[in-house]
Amino acid sequence: MRIEVLGAGGAHPVPRPFCTCPSCSEAREKGAPYTRYCPSLFIHDLSMVIDTPEESSIQLNRAKIAHVEAALYSHWHPDHTAGSRVFEANYDPEISWQVSPKRYCTTVFVPERVAETFSQHHDLTTRMTYLERAGVVAMQIVPTGKQITWRDCTITPFILAEDYVCGFIFETPSRRVLICMDELNNWEPPAWLGNFDLTILPAGVFEFDPLTGKRHIPPDHPILIREATHVETMEMLKAIDTKRVLFMHLNHSDQLTFDQFQQLGKQMTAQSGGRPIYEFAYDGMQIEV
């Protein structure tokens, strides 16, 4: 299974518009992998994109992805859905100017609970209905408790503690991958999850600078109640049997650069003795599982 990180960032990309911090300045100068666009993954074996942030068209072009056969959505937040218009590119890709031109159709899987919230936020249901009427997507609402079968992969959505968000287990005959795109707050990994070759999780909010130990966020800041911290995420990982961990959703507010995240991954892997291997995602990163 080959997974490409289209966007490794959090709710705000790096570089963030109007920001002149060192991370954003470096990203503007150097480009990928120093950039961190909003969160999205592409599974090449399945021709499947997970979440479409507003930079989706940029991400797909950079990755030279010619077509997306399937899409999967984890939740409604704009940094995961605002780029759904990218599927309009399925319409008349050769610019034939025919009255009934050629069009491709992307199958869009939305877990039932996520679909309910699509009707409540940012008019997402209306947007998807528009795309479906244009013939460029085919919506598939996945009932709670049901699985998705796509090519040789079985995908199991499950609801997290924040009950508007789903995580996913991807299983092929030889590999198991756990992917949670965001919102781990208050989640307790259940015993039934099993073991994984790769686990992809949001890194969590860095209350303390992970390299210096210096407090980064005031202890009474409400973000520490609303979001899972990195320390809390590491506690969750103690309950997950996995060979490899990839952290993404790397927040602009953490003020850590690409080089610092790579250094941190090496330090964490050394401390764990290589079980698991810890890595921090970057735009354009490709992982063979």
C-alpha atoms as a PDB file:
ATOM      1  CA  MET A   1       0.000   0.000   0.000  1.00  0.00           C
ATOM      2  CA  ARG A   2       1.446   3.359  -1.046  1.00  0.00           C
ATOM      3  CA  ILE A   3       0.209   6.420   0.830  1.00  0.00           C
ATOM      4  CA  GLU A   4       1.123   9.973  -0.144  1.00  0.00           C
ATOM      5  CA  VAL A   5       0.788  12.925   2.207  1.00  0.00           C
ATOM      6  CA  LEU A   6      -0.869  15.650   0.167  1.00  0.00           C
ATOM      7  CA  GLY A   7      -1.094  17.977   3.149  1.00  0.00           C
ATOM      8  CA  ALA A   8       0.663  17.523   6.493  1.00  0.00           C
ATOM      9  CA  GLY A   9      -0.609  20.698   8.140  1.00  0.00           C
ATOM     10  CA  GLY A  10      -3.422  21.584  10.485  1.00  0.00           C
ATOM     11  CA  ALA A  11      -6.296  24.041  10.317  1.00  0.00           C
ATOM     12  CA  HIS A  12      -3.994  26.735   8.912  1.00  0.00           C
ATOM     13  CA  PRO A  13      -1.389  26.002   6.249  1.00  0.00           C
ATOM     14  CA  VAL A  14       2.296  26.771   6.459  1.00  0.00           C
ATOM     15  CA  PRO A  15       2.932  29.318   5.060  1.00  0.00           C
ATOM     16  CA  ARG A  16      -0.117  30.993   6.529  1.00  0.00           C
ATOM     17  CA  PRO A  17      -1.253  34.139   4.709  1.00  0.00           C
ATOM     18  CA  PHE A  18      -0.018  37.352   6.326  1.00  0.00           C
ATOM     19  CA  CYS A  19       2.325  35.493   8.717  1.00  0.00           C
ATOM     20  CA  THR A  20       6.038  36.310   8.843  1.00  0.00           C
ATOM     21  CA  CYS A  21       7.124  33.740  11.452  1.00  0.00           C
ATOM     22  CA  PRO A  22      10.299  31.705  10.706  1.00  0.00           C
ATOM     23  CA  SER A  23       8.321  28.603   9.644  1.00  0.00           C
ATOM     24  CA  CYS A  24       6.162  30.510   7.170  1.00  0.00           C
ATOM     25  CA  SER A  25       9.044  32.565   5.811  1.00  0.00           C
ATOM     26  CA  GLU A  26      11.120  29.431   5.224  1.00  0.00           C
ATOM     27  CA  ALA A  27       8.186  27.639   3.576  1.00  0.00           C
ATOM     28  CA  ARG A  28       7.620  30.531   1.166  1.00  0.00           C
ATOM     29  CA  GLU A  29      11.273  30.514   0.191  1.00  0.00           C
ATOM     30  CA  LYS A  30      11.862  26.761  -0.106  1.00  0.00           C
ATOM     31  CA  GLY A  31       8.468  25.210  -0.909  1.00  0.00           C
ATOM     32  CA  ALA A  32       7.776  21.531  -0.176  1.00  0.00           C
ATOM     33  CA  PRO A  33       8.702  19.771   2.064  1.00  0.00           C
ATOM     34  CA  TYR A  34       8.878  22.934   4.168  1.00  0.00           C
ATOM     35  CA  THR A  35       5.265  23.764   3.341  1.00  0.00           C
ATOM     36  CA  ARG A  36       2.454  22.150   5.296  1.00  0.00           C
ATOM     37  CA  TYR A  37      -0.841  22.482   3.467  1.00  0.00           C
ATOM     38  CA  CYS A  38      -4.063  21.464   5.210  1.00  0.00           C
ATOM     39  CA  PRO A  39      -4.642  17.755   5.925  1.00  0.00           C
ATOM     40  CA  SER A  40      -5.147  15.282   3.095  1.00  0.00           C
ATOM     41  CA  LEU A  41      -3.880  11.827   2.101  1.00  0.00           C
ATOM     42  CA  PHE A  42      -3.887   9.907  -1.178  1.00  0.00           C
ATOM     43  CA  ILE A  43      -3.775   6.108  -1.263  1.00  0.00           C
ATOM     44  CA  HIS A  44      -2.347   5.247  -4.662  1.00  0.00           C
ATOM     45  CA  ASP A  45      -3.384   1.583  -4.673  1.00  0.00           C
ATOM     46  CA  LEU A  46      -7.007   2.655  -4.202  1.00  0.00           C
ATOM     47  CA  SER A  47      -6.890   5.921  -6.184  1.00  0.00           C
ATOM     48  CA  MET A  48      -8.552   7.369  -3.088  1.00  0.00           C
ATOM     49  CA  VAL A  49      -8.178  10.787  -1.492  1.00  0.00           C
ATOM     50  CA  ILE A  50      -9.006  11.267   2.179  1.00  0.00           C
ATOM     51  CA  ASP A  51     -10.395  14.762   2.832  1.00  0.00           C
ATOM     52  CA  THR A  52     -10.187  17.730   0.485  1.00  0.00           C
ATOM     53  CA  PRO A  53      -8.946  20.968   2.089  1.00  0.00           C
ATOM     54  CA  GLU A  54      -9.046  24.237   0.185  1.00  0.00           C
ATOM     55  CA  GLU A  55      -5.627  23.537  -1.369  1.00  0.00           C
ATOM     56  CA  SER A  56      -6.730  20.226  -2.920  1.00  0.00           C
ATOM     57  CA  SER A  57      -6.182  21.325  -6.503  1.00  0.00           C
ATOM     58  CA  ILE A  58      -2.645  22.477  -5.655  1.00  0.00           C
ATOM     59  CA  GLN A  59      -1.932  19.257  -3.765  1.00  0.00           C
ATOM     60  CA  LEU A  60      -3.182  16.955  -6.529  1.00  0.00           C
ATOM     61  CA  ASN A  61      -1.288  18.864  -9.209  1.00  0.00           C
ATOM     62  CA  ARG A  62       1.939  18.752  -7.205  1.00  0.00           C
ATOM     63  CA  ALA A  63       1.532  14.989  -6.760  1.00  0.00           C
ATOM     64  CA  LYS A  64       0.826  14.587 -10.511  1.00  0.00           C
ATOM     65  CA  ILE A  65      -2.355  12.639  -9.768  1.00  0.00           C
ATOM     66  CA  ALA A  66      -4.259  12.290 -13.042  1.00  0.00           C
ATOM     67  CA  HIS A  67      -7.583  11.100 -11.620  1.00  0.00           C
ATOM     68  CA  VAL A  68      -9.210  10.357  -8.278  1.00  0.00           C
ATOM     69  CA  GLU A  69     -11.525   7.365  -8.382  1.00  0.00           C
ATOM     70  CA  ALA A  70     -12.711   7.600  -4.782  1.00  0.00           C
ATOM     71  CA  ALA A  71     -12.860  10.063  -1.900  1.00  0.00           C
ATOM     72  CA  LEU A  72     -13.460   9.537   1.798  1.00  0.00           C
ATOM     73  CA  TYR A  73     -14.414  12.179   4.354  1.00  0.00           C
ATOM     74  CA  SER A  74     -13.596  12.117   8.068  1.00  0.00           C
ATOM     75  CA  HIS A  75     -15.639  15.147   9.228  1.00  0.00           C
ATOM     76  CA  TRP A  76     -17.073  18.479   8.176  1.00  0.00           C
ATOM     77  CA  HIS A  77     -14.407  20.980   9.240  1.00  0.00           C
ATOM     78  CA  PRO A  78     -13.389  23.386   6.440  1.00  0.00           C
ATOM     79  CA  ASP A  79      -9.718  22.374   6.570  1.00  0.00           C
ATOM     80  CA  HIS A  80     -10.931  18.898   5.528  1.00  0.00           C
ATOM     81  CA  THR A  81     -13.791  19.739   3.133  1.00  0.00           C
ATOM     82  CA  ALA A  82     -13.428  23.245   1.663  1.00  0.00           C
ATOM     83  CA  GLY A  83     -11.751  21.896  -1.484  1.00  0.00           C
ATOM     84  CA  SER A  84     -14.605  19.592  -2.539  1.00  0.00           C
ATOM     85  CA  ARG A  85     -15.056  21.763  -5.624  1.00  0.00           C
ATOM     86  CA  VAL A  86     -11.914  20.102  -7.009  1.00  0.00           C
ATOM     87  CA  PHE A  87     -14.179  17.368  -8.403  1.00  0.00           C
ATOM     88  CA  GLU A  88     -15.582  19.844 -10.916  1.00  0.00           C
ATOM     89  CA  ALA A  89     -12.327  19.109 -12.770  1.00  0.00           C
ATOM     90  CA  ASN A  90     -13.911  15.747 -13.700  1.00  0.00           C
ATOM     91  CA  TYR A  91     -16.162  17.651 -16.126  1.00  0.00           C
ATOM     92  CA  ASP A  92     -15.004  17.889 -19.743  1.00  0.00           C
ATOM     93  CA  PRO A  93     -11.303  17.392 -18.935  1.00  0.00           C
ATOM     94  CA  GLU A  94     -10.309  17.662 -22.616  1.00  0.00           C
ATOM     95  CA  ILE A  95     -12.276  20.937 -23.076  1.00  0.00           C
ATOM     96  CA  SER A  96     -14.154  19.483 -26.043  1.00  0.00           C
ATOM     97  CA  TRP A  97     -16.920  22.109 -26.015  1.00  0.00           C
ATOM     98  CA  GLN A  98     -19.448  19.350 -26.687  1.00  0.00           C
ATOM     99  CA  VAL A  99     -22.981  19.875 -25.411  1.00  0.00           C
ATOM    100  CA  SER A 100     -22.737  16.588 -23.510  1.00  0.00           C
ATOM    101  CA  PRO A 101     -19.005  16.314 -22.870  1.00  0.00           C
ATOM    102  CA  LYS A 102     -17.018  13.486 -21.395  1.00  0.00           C
ATOM    103  CA  ARG A 103     -16.870  13.465 -17.641  1.00  0.00           C
ATOM    104  CA  TYR A 104     -15.303  11.288 -14.976  1.00  0.00           C
ATOM    105  CA  CYS A 105     -17.090  10.343 -11.785  1.00  0.00           C
ATOM    106  CA  THR A 106     -15.462  10.066  -8.354  1.00  0.00           C
ATOM    107  CA  THR A 107     -17.182   7.830  -5.808  1.00  0.00           C
ATOM    108  CA  VAL A 108     -17.455   9.799  -2.565  1.00  0.00           C
ATOM    109  CA  PHE A 109     -17.810   7.785   0.641  1.00  0.00           C
ATOM    110  CA  VAL A 110     -19.241   9.618   3.641  1.00  0.00           C
ATOM    111  CA  PRO A 111     -19.949   7.774   6.914  1.00  0.00           C
ATOM    112  CA  GLU A 112     -23.556   8.207   8.002  1.00  0.00           C
ATOM    113  CA  ARG A 113     -22.740  10.279  11.091  1.00  0.00           C
ATOM    114  CA  VAL A 114     -20.477  12.568   9.056  1.00  0.00           C
ATOM    115  CA  ALA A 115     -23.186  12.939   6.403  1.00  0.00           C
ATOM    116  CA  GLU A 116     -25.598  14.150   9.092  1.00  0.00           C
ATOM    117  CA  THR A 117     -23.227  16.973   9.983  1.00  0.00           C
ATOM    118  CA  PHE A 118     -22.708  17.851   6.308  1.00  0.00           C
ATOM    119  CA  SER A 119     -26.315  19.054   6.302  1.00  0.00           C
ATOM    120  CA  GLN A 120     -25.649  21.278   9.320  1.00  0.00           C
ATOM    121  CA  HIS A 121     -22.407  23.050   8.403  1.00  0.00           C
ATOM    122  CA  HIS A 122     -21.192  25.162   5.470  1.00  0.00           C
ATOM    123  CA  ASP A 123     -23.974  23.887   3.205  1.00  0.00           C
ATOM    124  CA  LEU A 124     -21.864  20.812   2.419  1.00  0.00           C
ATOM    125  CA  THR A 125     -24.839  18.614   1.534  1.00  0.00           C
ATOM    126  CA  THR A 126     -25.975  21.162  -1.052  1.00  0.00           C
ATOM    127  CA  ARG A 127     -22.455  21.334  -2.498  1.00  0.00           C
ATOM    128  CA  MET A 128     -22.258  17.559  -2.830  1.00  0.00           C
ATOM    129  CA  THR A 129     -25.730  17.395  -4.377  1.00  0.00           C
ATOM    130  CA  TYR A 130     -24.641  19.980  -6.957  1.00  0.00           C
ATOM    131  CA  LEU A 131     -21.560  17.903  -7.832  1.00  0.00           C
ATOM    132  CA  GLU A 132     -23.640  14.735  -8.074  1.00  0.00           C
ATOM    133  CA  ARG A 133     -26.149  16.386 -10.413  1.00  0.00           C
ATOM    134  CA  ALA A 134     -23.230  17.485 -12.578  1.00  0.00           C
ATOM    135  CA  GLY A 135     -22.237  13.829 -12.866  1.00  0.00           C
ATOM    136  CA  VAL A 136     -18.768  14.325 -11.399  1.00  0.00           C
ATOM    137  CA  VAL A 137     -19.304  12.520  -8.083  1.00  0.00           C
ATOM    138  CA  ALA A 138     -21.423   9.602  -6.910  1.00  0.00           C
ATOM    139  CA  MET A 139     -22.285   9.846  -3.228  1.00  0.00           C
ATOM    140  CA  GLN A 140     -22.208   6.730  -1.070  1.00  0.00           C
ATOM    141  CA  ILE A 141     -23.482   7.193   2.497  1.00  0.00           C
ATOM    142  CA  VAL A 142     -21.960   4.432   4.630  1.00  0.00           C
ATOM    143  CA  PRO A 143     -24.382   3.243   7.349  1.00  0.00           C
ATOM    144  CA  THR A 144     -22.973   3.205  10.871  1.00  0.00           C
ATOM    145  CA  GLY A 145     -21.425  -0.184  11.584  1.00  0.00           C
ATOM    146  CA  LYS A 146     -20.977  -1.057   7.901  1.00  0.00           C
ATOM    147  CA  GLN A 147     -17.735  -1.409   5.972  1.00  0.00           C
ATOM    148  CA  ILE A 148     -16.542  -0.117   2.609  1.00  0.00           C
ATOM    149  CA  THR A 149     -15.066  -2.527   0.076  1.00  0.00           C
ATOM    150  CA  TRP A 150     -12.902  -0.841  -2.557  1.00  0.00           C
ATOM    151  CA  ARG A 151     -10.607  -2.850  -4.817  1.00  0.00           C
ATOM    152  CA  ASP A 152      -8.809  -5.322  -2.531  1.00  0.00           C
ATOM    153  CA  CYS A 153      -9.278  -3.197   0.585  1.00  0.00           C
ATOM    154  CA  THR A 154     -11.864  -3.277   3.354  1.00  0.00           C
ATOM    155  CA  ILE A 155     -12.342   0.056   5.124  1.00  0.00           C
ATOM    156  CA  THR A 156     -13.992   0.179   8.536  1.00  0.00           C
ATOM    157  CA  PRO A 157     -15.194   3.618   9.674  1.00  0.00           C
ATOM    158  CA  PHE A 158     -15.655   4.117  13.418  1.00  0.00           C
ATOM    159  CA  ILE A 159     -16.866   7.081  15.426  1.00  0.00           C
ATOM    160  CA  LEU A 160     -14.411   8.835  17.740  1.00  0.00           C
ATOM    161  CA  ALA A 161     -15.154  10.407  21.135  1.00  0.00           C
ATOM    162  CA  GLU A 162     -15.939  13.647  19.308  1.00  0.00           C
ATOM    163  CA  ASP A 163     -18.946  11.990  17.725  1.00  0.00           C
ATOM    164  CA  TYR A 164     -19.009  14.020  14.512  1.00  0.00           C
ATOM    165  CA  VAL A 165     -15.649  12.559  13.431  1.00  0.00           C
ATOM    166  CA  CYS A 166     -14.720   9.141  12.058  1.00  0.00           C
ATOM    167  CA  GLY A 167     -11.458   7.250  12.022  1.00  0.00           C
ATOM    168  CA  PHE A 168     -10.761   4.430   9.570  1.00  0.00           C
ATOM    169  CA  ILE A 169      -9.147   1.002   9.504  1.00  0.00           C
ATOM    170  CA  PHE A 170      -7.787  -0.037   6.092  1.00  0.00           C
ATOM    171  CA  GLU A 171      -7.239  -3.779   5.619  1.00  0.00           C
ATOM    172  CA  THR A 172      -5.781  -5.613   2.636  1.00  0.00           C
ATOM    173  CA  PRO A 173      -4.828  -9.308   2.588  1.00  0.00           C
ATOM    174  CA  SER A 174      -1.370  -8.384   3.912  1.00  0.00           C
ATOM    175  CA  ARG A 175      -1.594  -4.973   5.616  1.00  0.00           C
ATOM    176  CA  ARG A 176      -3.554  -3.111   8.318  1.00  0.00           C
ATOM    177  CA  VAL A 177      -3.459   0.679   8.600  1.00  0.00           C
ATOM    178  CA  LEU A 178      -5.213   2.937  11.112  1.00  0.00           C
ATOM    179  CA  ILE A 179      -5.964   6.497   9.990  1.00  0.00           C
ATOM    180  CA  CYS A 180      -7.480   9.222  12.161  1.00  0.00           C
ATOM    181  CA  MET A 181      -7.328  12.566  10.405  1.00  0.00           C
ATOM    182  CA  ASP A 182      -8.242  14.835  13.332  1.00  0.00           C
ATOM    183  CA  GLU A 183     -10.049  15.394  16.648  1.00  0.00           C
ATOM    184  CA  LEU A 184      -8.702  12.761  19.042  1.00  0.00           C
ATOM    185  CA  ASN A 185      -9.807  14.680  22.133  1.00  0.00           C
ATOM    186  CA  ASN A 186     -11.043  12.298  24.880  1.00  0.00           C
ATOM    187  CA  TRP A 187     -10.610   9.227  22.652  1.00  0.00           C
ATOM    188  CA  GLU A 188      -9.713   5.944  24.319  1.00  0.00           C
ATOM    189  CA  PRO A 189      -8.555   3.419  21.705  1.00  0.00           C
ATOM    190  CA  PRO A 190     -10.741   0.311  22.084  1.00  0.00           C
ATOM    191  CA  ALA A 191      -9.188  -3.130  22.494  1.00  0.00           C
ATOM    192  CA  TRP A 192     -10.898  -4.428  19.348  1.00  0.00           C
ATOM    193  CA  LEU A 193      -8.737  -2.236  17.100  1.00  0.00           C
ATOM    194  CA  GLY A 194      -6.067  -4.941  16.869  1.00  0.00           C
ATOM    195  CA  ASN A 195      -2.542  -4.446  15.557  1.00  0.00           C
ATOM    196  CA  PHE A 196      -1.327  -2.290  12.681  1.00  0.00           C
ATOM    197  CA  ASP A 197       1.540  -1.965  10.253  1.00  0.00           C
ATOM    198  CA  LEU A 198       1.059   1.814  10.260  1.00  0.00           C
ATOM    199  CA  THR A 199      -0.915   4.268  12.380  1.00  0.00           C
ATOM    200  CA  ILE A 200      -1.554   7.819  11.147  1.00  0.00           C
ATOM    201  CA  LEU A 201      -2.749  10.293  13.772  1.00  0.00           C
ATOM    202  CA  PRO A 202      -2.818  14.046  14.368  1.00  0.00           C
ATOM    203  CA  ALA A 203       0.219  14.977  16.439  1.00  0.00           C
ATOM    204  CA  GLY A 204      -1.844  16.876  18.976  1.00  0.00           C
ATOM    205  CA  VAL A 205      -1.253  20.328  20.410  1.00  0.00           C
ATOM    206  CA  PHE A 206       2.260  20.861  21.735  1.00  0.00           C
ATOM    207  CA  GLU A 207       1.686  22.315  25.190  1.00  0.00           C
ATOM    208  CA  PHE A 208       5.461  22.183  25.683  1.00  0.00           C
ATOM    209  CA  ASP A 209       8.180  22.636  23.087  1.00  0.00           C
ATOM    210  CA  PRO A 210       9.121  18.990  22.392  1.00  0.00           C
ATOM    211  CA  LEU A 211      12.788  19.819  21.819  1.00  0.00           C
ATOM    212  CA  THR A 212      13.459  22.211  24.707  1.00  0.00           C
ATOM    213  CA  GLY A 213      10.722  21.308  27.191  1.00  0.00           C
ATOM    214  CA  LYS A 214       9.788  24.976  27.548  1.00  0.00           C
ATOM    215  CA  ARG A 215       6.087  25.656  28.086  1.00  0.00           C
ATOM    216  CA  HIS A 216       4.574  26.801  24.810  1.00  0.00           C
ATOM    217  CA  ILE A 217       0.901  27.308  25.716  1.00  0.00           C
ATOM    218  CA  PRO A 218      -0.340  28.910  28.965  1.00  0.00           C
ATOM    219  CA  PRO A 219      -1.781  26.200  31.265  1.00  0.00           C
ATOM    220  CA  ASP A 220      -5.189  27.908  31.471  1.00  0.00           C
ATOM    221  CA  HIS A 221      -5.647  28.328  27.709  1.00  0.00           C
ATOM    222  CA  PRO A 222      -8.963  26.774  26.514  1.00  0.00           C
ATOM    223  CA  ILE A 223      -7.256  25.016  23.581  1.00  0.00           C
ATOM    224  CA  LEU A 224      -5.893  22.508  26.108  1.00  0.00           C
ATOM    225  CA  ILE A 225      -9.471  21.516  26.931  1.00  0.00           C
ATOM    226  CA  ARG A 226     -10.828  21.543  23.376  1.00  0.00           C
ATOM    227  CA  GLU A 227      -7.972  19.671  21.688  1.00  0.00           C
ATOM    228  CA  ALA A 228      -5.898  16.591  22.466  1.00  0.00           C
ATOM    229  CA  THR A 229      -2.338  17.500  23.399  1.00  0.00           C
ATOM    230  CA  HIS A 230       0.706  15.679  22.091  1.00  0.00           C
ATOM    231  CA  VAL A 231       1.236  14.169  25.541  1.00  0.00           C
ATOM    232  CA  GLU A 232      -2.344  12.861  25.532  1.00  0.00           C
ATOM    233  CA  THR A 233      -1.873  11.479  22.025  1.00  0.00           C
ATOM    234  CA  MET A 234       1.211   9.581  23.163  1.00  0.00           C
ATOM    235  CA  GLU A 235      -0.868   8.087  25.990  1.00  0.00           C
ATOM    236  CA  MET A 236      -3.425   6.917  23.425  1.00  0.00           C
ATOM    237  CA  LEU A 237      -0.658   5.253  21.438  1.00  0.00           C
ATOM    238  CA  LYS A 238       0.208   3.076  24.431  1.00  0.00           C
ATOM    239  CA  ALA A 239      -3.075   1.272  23.762  1.00  0.00           C
ATOM    240  CA  ILE A 240      -2.365   0.756  20.035  1.00  0.00           C
ATOM    241  CA  ASP A 241      -0.120  -2.060  18.829  1.00  0.00           C
ATOM    242  CA  THR A 242       1.596  -0.603  15.772  1.00  0.00           C
ATOM    243  CA  LYS A 243       4.931  -0.953  14.004  1.00  0.00           C
ATOM    244  CA  ARG A 244       5.048   2.611  12.740  1.00  0.00           C
ATOM    245  CA  VAL A 245       3.477   5.953  13.674  1.00  0.00           C
ATOM    246  CA  LEU A 246       3.083   8.893  11.313  1.00  0.00           C
ATOM    247  CA  PHE A 247       2.024  12.177  12.874  1.00  0.00           C
ATOM    248  CA  MET A 248       0.252  14.725  10.696  1.00  0.00           C
ATOM    249  CA  HIS A 249      -2.123  17.673  11.222  1.00  0.00           C
ATOM    250  CA  LEU A 250       0.998  19.587  12.290  1.00  0.00           C
ATOM    251  CA  ASN A 251      -0.316  22.913  13.465  1.00  0.00           C
ATOM    252  CA  HIS A 252       1.021  26.277  12.377  1.00  0.00           C
ATOM    253  CA  SER A 253       0.633  27.422  15.998  1.00  0.00           C
ATOM    254  CA  ASP A 254       3.234  24.867  17.151  1.00  0.00           C
ATOM    255  CA  GLN A 255       5.866  27.056  15.450  1.00  0.00           C
ATOM    256  CA  LEU A 256       8.070  24.084  14.569  1.00  0.00           C
ATOM    257  CA  THR A 257       9.892  23.847  11.250  1.00  0.00           C
ATOM    258  CA  PHE A 258      10.246  20.881   8.909  1.00  0.00           C
ATOM    259  CA  ASP A 259      13.795  20.239  10.154  1.00  0.00           C
ATOM    260  CA  GLN A 260      12.708  20.358  13.790  1.00  0.00           C
ATOM    261  CA  PHE A 261       9.900  17.864  13.197  1.00  0.00           C
ATOM    262  CA  GLN A 262      12.307  15.493  11.429  1.00  0.00           C
ATOM    263  CA  GLN A 263      14.753  15.790  14.328  1.00  0.00           C
ATOM    264  CA  LEU A 264      11.957  15.078  16.797  1.00  0.00           C
ATOM    265  CA  GLY A 265      10.889  11.933  14.935  1.00  0.00           C
ATOM    266  CA  LYS A 266      14.432  10.561  15.076  1.00  0.00           C
ATOM    267  CA  GLN A 267      14.698  11.322  18.793  1.00  0.00           C
ATOM    268  CA  MET A 268      11.389   9.614  19.564  1.00  0.00           C
ATOM    269  CA  THR A 269      12.334   6.548  17.509  1.00  0.00           C
ATOM    270  CA  ALA A 270      15.675   6.280  19.325  1.00  0.00           C
ATOM    271  CA  GLN A 271      13.892   6.495  22.668  1.00  0.00           C
ATOM    272  CA  SER A 272      11.423   3.762  21.666  1.00  0.00           C
ATOM    273  CA  GLY A 273      14.159   1.478  20.355  1.00  0.00           C
ATOM    274  CA  GLY A 274      12.465   1.470  16.963  1.00  0.00           C
ATOM    275  CA  ARG A 275       9.200  -0.063  18.153  1.00  0.00           C
ATOM    276  CA  PRO A 276       7.339   1.844  16.990  1.00  0.00           C
ATOM    277  CA  ILE A 277       9.116   4.013  14.452  1.00  0.00           C
ATOM    278  CA  TYR A 278       7.946   7.626  14.824  1.00  0.00           C
ATOM    279  CA  GLU A 279       7.792  10.008  11.877  1.00  0.00           C
ATOM    280  CA  PHE A 280       6.337  13.445  11.261  1.00  0.00           C
ATOM    281  CA  ALA A 281       4.620  13.967   7.934  1.00  0.00           C
ATOM    282  CA  TYR A 282       5.547  16.526   5.314  1.00  0.00           C
ATOM    283  CA  ASP A 283       3.950  17.588   2.054  1.00  0.00           C
ATOM    284  CA  GLY A 284       4.796  15.106  -0.694  1.00  0.00           C
ATOM    285  CA  MET A 285       5.930  12.353   1.674  1.00  0.00           C
ATOM    286  CA  GLN A 286       5.325   8.841   0.308  1.00  0.00           C
ATOM    287  CA  ILE A 287       5.060   5.794   2.537  1.00  0.00           C
ATOM    288  CA  GLU A 288       5.205   2.169   1.472  1.00  0.00           C
ATOM    289  CA  VAL A 289       3.390  -0.119   3.880  1.00  0.00           C
END
